[in-house]
Amino acid sequence: FTKGMAVAIVELGKTYETTLEERCDPDFQRSVGAFGADSGMRATEIKRVEYLKRGVKVSGQGGVFKASIDKDVIPNGWLD
């Protein structure tokens, strides 16, 4: 893969508010890559992640955005 490519597909679950106690749980910290008070008050579940069949050049944008890619690069089982 090279710079400027989309390389994976992610299925997101619900977004929910958390407490500091929940954010201090070691399992939670490993899943979000942040520690206790360093992580935000909201968390979004990541249900599954998989590499695309090949990288796709995507123009970068700030924040969260959607990108159109060919269906033939989507891994099996994602479009069913």
N, C-alpha and C. Protein backbone atom coordinates (compact mmCIF):
# COMPACT_ATOMS: atom_id res chain seq x y z
N PHE A 1 0.84 -1.19 0.00
CA PHE A 1 0.00 0.00 0.00
C PHE A 1 0.88 1.25 0.00
N THR A 2 0.33 2.32 -0.55
CA THR A 2 1.07 3.57 -0.57
C THR A 2 0.24 4.68 0.06
N LYS A 3 0.87 5.81 0.28
CA LYS A 3 0.21 6.96 0.88
C LYS A 3 -1.01 7.37 0.05
N GLY A 4 -2.10 7.73 0.75
CA GLY A 4 -3.31 8.18 0.07
C GLY A 4 -4.24 7.08 -0.38
N MET A 5 -4.07 5.89 0.18
CA MET A 5 -4.92 4.77 -0.22
C MET A 5 -5.85 4.34 0.90
N ALA A 6 -7.07 3.96 0.51
CA ALA A 6 -7.96 3.25 1.43
C ALA A 6 -7.53 1.80 1.39
N VAL A 7 -7.37 1.18 2.56
CA VAL A 7 -6.84 -0.18 2.59
C VAL A 7 -7.73 -1.17 3.33
N ALA A 8 -8.78 -0.67 4.00
CA ALA A 8 -9.61 -1.57 4.80
C ALA A 8 -11.05 -1.08 4.83
N ILE A 9 -11.93 -1.99 5.20
CA ILE A 9 -13.34 -1.69 5.38
C ILE A 9 -13.68 -1.96 6.85
N VAL A 10 -14.54 -1.13 7.43
CA VAL A 10 -14.88 -1.23 8.84
C VAL A 10 -16.40 -1.21 8.99
N GLU A 11 -16.91 -2.11 9.82
CA GLU A 11 -18.33 -2.08 10.18
C GLU A 11 -18.42 -1.53 11.60
N LEU A 12 -19.12 -0.40 11.73
CA LEU A 12 -19.27 0.24 13.03
C LEU A 12 -20.59 -0.14 13.67
N GLY A 13 -20.59 -0.21 14.99
CA GLY A 13 -21.80 -0.47 15.75
C GLY A 13 -22.32 0.81 16.35
N LYS A 14 -22.94 0.67 17.49
CA LYS A 14 -23.54 1.85 18.13
C LYS A 14 -22.48 2.72 18.80
N THR A 15 -22.82 3.98 18.95
CA THR A 15 -21.99 4.92 19.71
C THR A 15 -22.72 5.19 21.01
N TYR A 16 -22.00 5.14 22.10
CA TYR A 16 -22.64 5.30 23.41
C TYR A 16 -21.74 6.08 24.35
N GLU A 17 -22.36 6.67 25.36
CA GLU A 17 -21.60 7.40 26.37
C GLU A 17 -21.04 6.42 27.39
N THR A 18 -19.86 6.73 27.92
CA THR A 18 -19.20 5.88 28.89
C THR A 18 -18.91 6.67 30.16
N THR A 19 -18.66 5.94 31.21
CA THR A 19 -18.25 6.57 32.47
C THR A 19 -16.74 6.45 32.60
N LEU A 20 -16.15 7.23 33.47
CA LEU A 20 -14.71 7.14 33.70
C LEU A 20 -14.36 5.75 34.20
N GLU A 21 -15.21 5.16 35.03
CA GLU A 21 -14.96 3.80 35.54
C GLU A 21 -14.89 2.80 34.39
N GLU A 22 -15.82 2.90 33.43
CA GLU A 22 -15.79 2.00 32.27
C GLU A 22 -14.52 2.22 31.45
N ARG A 23 -14.13 3.49 31.29
CA ARG A 23 -12.96 3.81 30.48
C ARG A 23 -11.66 3.37 31.15
N CYS A 24 -11.68 3.12 32.44
CA CYS A 24 -10.50 2.65 33.17
C CYS A 24 -10.35 1.13 33.14
N ASP A 25 -11.34 0.43 32.60
CA ASP A 25 -11.27 -1.03 32.48
C ASP A 25 -10.19 -1.39 31.45
N PRO A 26 -9.26 -2.29 31.79
CA PRO A 26 -8.17 -2.64 30.87
C PRO A 26 -8.66 -3.15 29.51
N ASP A 27 -9.74 -3.93 29.48
CA ASP A 27 -10.26 -4.42 28.19
C ASP A 27 -10.75 -3.25 27.33
N PHE A 28 -11.44 -2.29 27.95
CA PHE A 28 -11.90 -1.11 27.22
C PHE A 28 -10.71 -0.32 26.69
N GLN A 29 -9.70 -0.13 27.53
CA GLN A 29 -8.53 0.64 27.13
C GLN A 29 -7.82 0.00 25.94
N ARG A 30 -7.72 -1.31 25.92
CA ARG A 30 -7.09 -2.00 24.78
C ARG A 30 -7.92 -1.84 23.51
N SER A 31 -9.23 -1.82 23.65
CA SER A 31 -10.09 -1.75 22.47
C SER A 31 -10.11 -0.37 21.84
N VAL A 32 -9.85 0.68 22.62
CA VAL A 32 -9.87 2.04 22.06
C VAL A 32 -8.48 2.65 21.95
N GLY A 33 -7.48 2.02 22.52
CA GLY A 33 -6.11 2.54 22.43
C GLY A 33 -5.89 3.81 23.22
N ALA A 34 -6.65 3.99 24.29
CA ALA A 34 -6.48 5.17 25.15
C ALA A 34 -6.72 4.74 26.59
N PHE A 35 -6.29 5.56 27.51
CA PHE A 35 -6.36 5.20 28.91
C PHE A 35 -7.30 6.13 29.68
N GLY A 36 -8.26 5.55 30.39
CA GLY A 36 -9.13 6.25 31.32
C GLY A 36 -9.56 7.63 30.88
N ALA A 37 -9.07 8.63 31.60
CA ALA A 37 -9.48 10.01 31.35
C ALA A 37 -8.98 10.54 30.00
N ASP A 38 -7.98 9.86 29.39
CA ASP A 38 -7.48 10.29 28.08
C ASP A 38 -8.45 9.99 26.95
N SER A 39 -9.34 9.02 27.15
CA SER A 39 -10.30 8.68 26.10
C SER A 39 -11.55 9.52 26.27
N GLY A 40 -12.26 9.71 25.19
CA GLY A 40 -13.46 10.55 25.21
C GLY A 40 -14.62 9.90 25.94
N MET A 41 -15.64 10.70 26.20
CA MET A 41 -16.81 10.21 26.93
C MET A 41 -17.68 9.30 26.08
N ARG A 42 -17.50 9.32 24.76
CA ARG A 42 -18.29 8.47 23.87
C ARG A 42 -17.37 7.43 23.23
N ALA A 43 -17.93 6.26 23.00
CA ALA A 43 -17.20 5.18 22.33
C ALA A 43 -18.09 4.62 21.23
N THR A 44 -17.48 4.18 20.14
CA THR A 44 -18.20 3.54 19.05
C THR A 44 -17.68 2.13 18.90
N GLU A 45 -18.60 1.17 18.88
CA GLU A 45 -18.22 -0.22 18.72
C GLU A 45 -17.64 -0.45 17.32
N ILE A 46 -16.59 -1.22 17.23
CA ILE A 46 -16.05 -1.67 15.96
C ILE A 46 -16.39 -3.15 15.87
N LYS A 47 -17.32 -3.47 14.95
CA LYS A 47 -17.80 -4.84 14.85
C LYS A 47 -16.85 -5.74 14.07
N ARG A 48 -16.33 -5.23 12.96
CA ARG A 48 -15.37 -6.02 12.20
C ARG A 48 -14.56 -5.11 11.28
N VAL A 49 -13.38 -5.59 10.95
CA VAL A 49 -12.44 -4.86 10.09
C VAL A 49 -11.78 -5.90 9.19
N GLU A 50 -11.59 -5.53 7.92
CA GLU A 50 -10.90 -6.44 7.01
C GLU A 50 -10.19 -5.62 5.93
N TYR A 51 -9.03 -6.08 5.50
CA TYR A 51 -8.32 -5.42 4.40
C TYR A 51 -9.14 -5.54 3.12
N LEU A 52 -9.08 -4.51 2.28
CA LEU A 52 -9.64 -4.58 0.94
C LEU A 52 -8.80 -5.55 0.12
N LYS A 53 -9.34 -6.02 -0.99
CA LYS A 53 -8.58 -6.94 -1.84
C LYS A 53 -7.36 -6.26 -2.45
N ARG A 54 -7.44 -4.94 -2.61
CA ARG A 54 -6.29 -4.14 -3.03
C ARG A 54 -6.52 -2.71 -2.57
N GLY A 55 -5.46 -1.95 -2.42
CA GLY A 55 -5.60 -0.56 -2.01
C GLY A 55 -6.27 0.27 -3.10
N VAL A 56 -6.99 1.31 -2.67
CA VAL A 56 -7.71 2.18 -3.60
C VAL A 56 -7.29 3.63 -3.32
N LYS A 57 -6.85 4.34 -4.33
CA LYS A 57 -6.45 5.75 -4.18
C LYS A 57 -7.68 6.57 -3.81
N VAL A 58 -7.57 7.33 -2.72
CA VAL A 58 -8.68 8.16 -2.23
C VAL A 58 -8.12 9.54 -1.91
N SER A 59 -8.83 10.58 -2.36
CA SER A 59 -8.43 11.94 -2.02
C SER A 59 -8.74 12.18 -0.55
N GLY A 60 -7.75 12.64 0.21
CA GLY A 60 -7.94 12.88 1.63
C GLY A 60 -8.84 14.08 1.90
N GLN A 61 -9.54 14.02 3.01
CA GLN A 61 -10.40 15.09 3.47
C GLN A 61 -10.29 15.14 4.99
N GLY A 62 -10.59 16.27 5.57
CA GLY A 62 -10.59 16.38 7.02
C GLY A 62 -11.81 15.69 7.61
N GLY A 63 -11.67 15.15 8.80
CA GLY A 63 -12.80 14.54 9.50
C GLY A 63 -13.21 13.21 8.90
N VAL A 64 -14.44 12.81 9.19
CA VAL A 64 -14.99 11.55 8.68
C VAL A 64 -15.67 11.84 7.36
N PHE A 65 -15.42 10.98 6.37
CA PHE A 65 -16.05 11.18 5.06
C PHE A 65 -16.28 9.83 4.39
N LYS A 66 -17.15 9.82 3.39
CA LYS A 66 -17.42 8.61 2.62
C LYS A 66 -16.61 8.66 1.33
N ALA A 67 -16.23 7.49 0.85
CA ALA A 67 -15.50 7.39 -0.40
C ALA A 67 -16.15 6.30 -1.25
N SER A 68 -16.26 6.54 -2.53
CA SER A 68 -16.80 5.53 -3.46
C SER A 68 -15.65 4.68 -3.98
N ILE A 69 -15.82 3.37 -3.88
CA ILE A 69 -14.81 2.45 -4.41
C ILE A 69 -15.52 1.34 -5.17
N ASP A 70 -14.80 0.69 -6.08
CA ASP A 70 -15.38 -0.40 -6.86
C ASP A 70 -15.73 -1.58 -5.96
N LYS A 71 -16.86 -2.22 -6.28
CA LYS A 71 -17.31 -3.37 -5.49
C LYS A 71 -16.32 -4.53 -5.54
N ASP A 72 -15.53 -4.62 -6.61
CA ASP A 72 -14.63 -5.76 -6.74
C ASP A 72 -13.47 -5.76 -5.75
N VAL A 73 -13.26 -4.65 -5.03
CA VAL A 73 -12.20 -4.63 -4.02
C VAL A 73 -12.73 -4.94 -2.61
N ILE A 74 -14.05 -5.04 -2.47
CA ILE A 74 -14.66 -5.34 -1.17
C ILE A 74 -14.47 -6.84 -0.89
N PRO A 75 -14.00 -7.20 0.31
CA PRO A 75 -13.80 -8.62 0.66
C PRO A 75 -15.12 -9.39 0.62
N ASN A 76 -15.00 -10.68 0.37
CA ASN A 76 -16.17 -11.56 0.34
C ASN A 76 -16.93 -11.49 1.66
N GLY A 77 -18.26 -11.50 1.59
CA GLY A 77 -19.09 -11.53 2.77
C GLY A 77 -19.54 -10.17 3.28
N TRP A 78 -19.08 -9.08 2.66
CA TRP A 78 -19.44 -7.73 3.13
C TRP A 78 -20.64 -7.17 2.39
N LEU A 79 -20.96 -7.65 1.23
CA LEU A 79 -22.06 -7.10 0.45
C LEU A 79 -23.29 -8.00 0.44
N ASP A 80 -23.25 -9.06 1.22
CA ASP A 80 -24.39 -10.01 1.26
C ASP A 80 -25.58 -9.44 1.96
